[in-house]
PDB file of N, CA and C in Angstrom:
ATOM      1  N   MET A   1       0.568  -1.193   0.032  1.00  0.00           N
ATOM      2  CA  MET A   1       0.158   0.207  -0.341  1.00  0.00           C
ATOM      3  C   MET A   1       0.454   1.237   0.008  1.00  0.00           C
ATOM      4  N   THR A   2       0.651   1.969  -0.504  1.00  0.00           N
ATOM      5  CA  THR A   2       1.243   3.690  -1.160  1.00  0.00           C
ATOM      6  C   THR A   2       1.382   4.097   0.455  1.00  0.00           C
ATOM      7  N   GLN A   3      -0.300   4.239   1.079  1.00  0.00           N
ATOM      8  CA  GLN A   3      -0.845   4.960   1.449  1.00  0.00           C
ATOM      9  C   GLN A   3      -1.284   4.855   3.288  1.00  0.00           C
ATOM     10  N   SER A   4      -1.051   4.989   4.507  1.00  0.00           N
ATOM     11  CA  SER A   4      -2.409   3.764   5.549  1.00  0.00           C
ATOM     12  C   SER A   4      -3.015   4.196   5.757  1.00  0.00           C
ATOM     13  N   LYS A   5      -3.328   3.490   5.725  1.00  0.00           N
ATOM     14  CA  LYS A   5      -5.990   3.645   6.669  1.00  0.00           C
ATOM     15  C   LYS A   5      -5.697   4.250   7.107  1.00  0.00           C
ATOM     16  N   SER A   6      -5.150   5.043   7.982  1.00  0.00           N
ATOM     17  CA  SER A   6      -5.920   6.016   8.644  1.00  0.00           C
ATOM     18  C   SER A   6      -5.322   6.986   7.796  1.00  0.00           C
ATOM     19  N   GLN A   7      -4.840   7.434   6.949  1.00  0.00           N
ATOM     20  CA  GLN A   7      -4.663   8.727   6.044  1.00  0.00           C
ATOM     21  C   GLN A   7      -5.617   8.806   4.707  1.00  0.00           C
ATOM     22  N   GLN A   8      -5.840   7.181   4.498  1.00  0.00           N
ATOM     23  CA  GLN A   8      -7.734   6.888   3.872  1.00  0.00           C
ATOM     24  C   GLN A   8      -8.896   7.223   4.045  1.00  0.00           C
ATOM     25  N   GLU A   9      -8.355   6.901   5.448  1.00  0.00           N
ATOM     26  CA  GLU A   9      -9.460   6.911   6.082  1.00  0.00           C
ATOM     27  C   GLU A   9      -9.802   9.226   6.413  1.00  0.00           C
ATOM     28  N   ARG A  10      -9.417   9.585   6.536  1.00  0.00           N
ATOM     29  CA  ARG A  10      -9.215  10.793   7.169  1.00  0.00           C
ATOM     30  C   ARG A  10      -9.372  11.844   5.799  1.00  0.00           C
ATOM     31  N   GLN A  11      -8.671  11.027   3.944  1.00  0.00           N
ATOM     32  CA  GLN A  11      -9.217  11.223   3.242  1.00  0.00           C
ATOM     33  C   GLN A  11     -11.045  11.463   2.401  1.00  0.00           C
ATOM     34  N   TRP A  12     -10.871   9.862   3.373  1.00  0.00           N
ATOM     35  CA  TRP A  12     -12.358  10.059   2.797  1.00  0.00           C
ATOM     36  C   TRP A  12     -13.543  10.757   2.992  1.00  0.00           C
ATOM     37  N   ASN A  13     -12.425  10.712   4.124  1.00  0.00           N
ATOM     38  CA  ASN A  13     -14.291  11.960   5.013  1.00  0.00           C
ATOM     39  C   ASN A  13     -14.135  13.597   4.642  1.00  0.00           C
ATOM     40  N   VAL A  14     -12.958  13.637   5.047  1.00  0.00           N
ATOM     41  CA  VAL A  14     -12.709  15.023   4.475  1.00  0.00           C
ATOM     42  C   VAL A  14     -13.277  15.435   2.670  1.00  0.00           C
ATOM     43  N   ARG A  15     -13.177  14.499   2.113  1.00  0.00           N
ATOM     44  CA  ARG A  15     -13.936  14.483   0.949  1.00  0.00           C
ATOM     45  C   ARG A  15     -15.480  14.106   0.779  1.00  0.00           C
ATOM     46  N   LYS A  16     -16.348  12.985   1.502  1.00  0.00           N
ATOM     47  CA  LYS A  16     -17.986  12.921   2.266  1.00  0.00           C
ATOM     48  C   LYS A  16     -17.926  14.716   3.371  1.00  0.00           C
ATOM     49  N   GLN A  17     -17.541  14.900   4.505  1.00  0.00           N
ATOM     50  CA  GLN A  17     -17.956  16.549   4.592  1.00  0.00           C
ATOM     51  C   GLN A  17     -17.770  17.648   3.628  1.00  0.00           C
ATOM     52  N   SER A  18     -17.107  17.390   2.447  1.00  0.00           N
ATOM     53  CA  SER A  18     -16.829  18.921   1.599  1.00  0.00           C
ATOM     54  C   SER A  18     -18.281  18.554   0.198  1.00  0.00           C
ATOM     55  N   GLN A  19     -18.752  17.329   1.020  1.00  0.00           N
ATOM     56  CA  GLN A  19     -20.219  17.034   0.427  1.00  0.00           C
ATOM     57  C   GLN A  19     -21.500  18.116   0.321  1.00  0.00           C
ATOM     58  N   ASN A  20     -20.992  17.600   2.272  1.00  0.00           N
ATOM     59  CA  ASN A  20     -22.507  18.535   2.265  1.00  0.00           C
ATOM     60  C   ASN A  20     -21.686  18.967   3.190  1.00  0.00           C
ATOM     61  N   PRO A  21     -21.957  20.127   2.646  1.00  0.00           N
ATOM     62  CA  PRO A  21     -21.272  21.528   3.589  1.00  0.00           C
ATOM     63  C   PRO A  21     -22.172  22.262   4.737  1.00  0.00           C
ATOM     64  N   HIS A  22     -23.501  21.863   4.498  1.00  0.00           N
ATOM     65  CA  HIS A  22     -24.474  22.484   5.670  1.00  0.00           C
ATOM     66  C   HIS A  22     -24.373  21.628   6.491  1.00  0.00           C
ATOM     67  N   GLY A  23     -23.904  20.661   6.855  1.00  0.00           N
ATOM     68  CA  GLY A  23     -23.720  20.131   8.170  1.00  0.00           C
ATOM     69  C   GLY A  23     -25.276  18.912   8.029  1.00  0.00           C
ATOM     70  N   LYS A  24     -25.148  18.105   9.113  1.00  0.00           N
ATOM     71  CA  LYS A  24     -25.872  16.963   8.964  1.00  0.00           C
ATOM     72  C   LYS A  24     -26.915  17.150   8.270  1.00  0.00           C
ATOM     73  N   VAL A  25     -27.208  16.463   7.213  1.00  0.00           N
ATOM     74  CA  VAL A  25     -28.769  15.850   6.925  1.00  0.00           C
ATOM     75  C   VAL A  25     -29.875  15.962   7.400  1.00  0.00           C
ATOM     76  N   LYS A  26     -30.637  15.911   8.061  1.00  0.00           N
ATOM     77  CA  LYS A  26     -32.105  16.477   9.241  1.00  0.00           C
ATOM     78  C   LYS A  26     -33.055  14.914   8.493  1.00  0.00           C
ATOM     79  N   SER A  27     -33.302  14.016   9.852  1.00  0.00           N
ATOM     80  CA  SER A  27     -33.914  13.037   9.547  1.00  0.00           C
ATOM     81  C   SER A  27     -35.531  13.716   8.544  1.00  0.00           C
ATOM     82  N   PHE A  28     -35.976  12.636   7.959  1.00  0.00           N
ATOM     83  CA  PHE A  28     -37.588  12.676   8.157  1.00  0.00           C
ATOM     84  C   PHE A  28     -38.791  13.125   9.746  1.00  0.00           C
ATOM     85  N   GLU A  29     -38.431  12.958  10.496  1.00  0.00           N
ATOM     86  CA  GLU A  29     -39.008  13.150  11.309  1.00  0.00           C
ATOM     87  C   GLU A  29     -38.685  14.692  12.050  1.00  0.00           C
ATOM     88  N   GLN A  30     -37.264  15.060  11.837  1.00  0.00           N
ATOM     89  CA  GLN A  30     -36.620  16.448  12.386  1.00  0.00           C
ATOM     90  C   GLN A  30     -37.466  17.158  11.106  1.00  0.00           C
ATOM     91  N   LEU A  31     -37.230  17.768   9.566  1.00  0.00           N
ATOM     92  CA  LEU A  31     -38.405  17.745   8.714  1.00  0.00           C
ATOM     93  C   LEU A  31     -39.824  17.880   9.689  1.00  0.00           C
ATOM     94  N   ALA A  32     -40.106  16.472   9.525  1.00  0.00           N
ATOM     95  CA  ALA A  32     -41.791  16.418   9.757  1.00  0.00           C
ATOM     96  C   ALA A  32     -42.645  17.836  11.423  1.00  0.00           C
ATOM     97  N   GLU A  33     -41.519  17.107  12.133  1.00  0.00           N
ATOM     98  CA  GLU A  33     -41.551  17.860  13.306  1.00  0.00           C
ATOM     99  C   GLU A  33     -41.422  19.607  12.881  1.00  0.00           C
ATOM    100  N   GLU A  34     -40.073  19.981  12.341  1.00  0.00           N
ATOM    101  CA  GLU A  34     -40.205  21.431  11.512  1.00  0.00           C
ATOM    102  C   GLU A  34     -41.266  21.904  10.753  1.00  0.00           C
ATOM    103  N   ALA A  35     -41.995  21.691   9.697  1.00  0.00           N
ATOM    104  CA  ALA A  35     -43.064  21.432   9.340  1.00  0.00           C
ATOM    105  C   ALA A  35     -44.070  21.665   9.954  1.00  0.00           C
ATOM    106  N   GLY A  36     -44.144  21.211  10.844  1.00  0.00           N
ATOM    107  CA  GLY A  36     -45.067  21.129  11.598  1.00  0.00           C
ATOM    108  C   GLY A  36     -45.699  22.328  12.621  1.00  0.00           C
ATOM    109  N   LYS A  37     -44.532  23.008  13.004  1.00  0.00           N
ATOM    110  CA  LYS A  37     -44.095  24.374  13.997  1.00  0.00           C
ATOM    111  C   LYS A  37     -44.293  25.015  12.746  1.00  0.00           C
ATOM    112  N   ASN A  38     -43.882  25.678  11.606  1.00  0.00           N
ATOM    113  CA  ASN A  38     -44.671  26.728  10.734  1.00  0.00           C
ATOM    114  C   ASN A  38     -45.156  26.479  11.036  1.00  0.00           C
ATOM    115  N   ARG A  39     -46.441  25.468   9.688  1.00  0.00           N
ATOM    116  CA  ARG A  39     -47.518  25.762  10.534  1.00  0.00           C
ATOM    117  C   ARG A  39     -47.946  26.899  11.036  1.00  0.00           C
ATOM    118  N   LYS A  40     -48.344  26.419  12.710  1.00  0.00           N
ATOM    119  CA  LYS A  40     -48.973  26.805  13.507  1.00  0.00           C
ATOM    120  C   LYS A  40     -48.529  27.942  14.450  1.00  0.00           C
ATOM    121  N   GLU A  41     -47.674  28.183  13.301  1.00  0.00           N
ATOM    122  CA  GLU A  41     -47.260  30.064  13.679  1.00  0.00           C
ATOM    123  C   GLU A  41     -47.805  31.243  12.650  1.00  0.00           C
TER     124      GLU A  41
END
């Protein structure tokens, strides 16, 4: 191997994070909760 396992994992994590710059994707339940709150107001 040319790279150590930890280096590969670190690079993979960086690529994954760069694909989603706005933080974690919300679950459907969280989205439904927020939609419900917005309708009541």
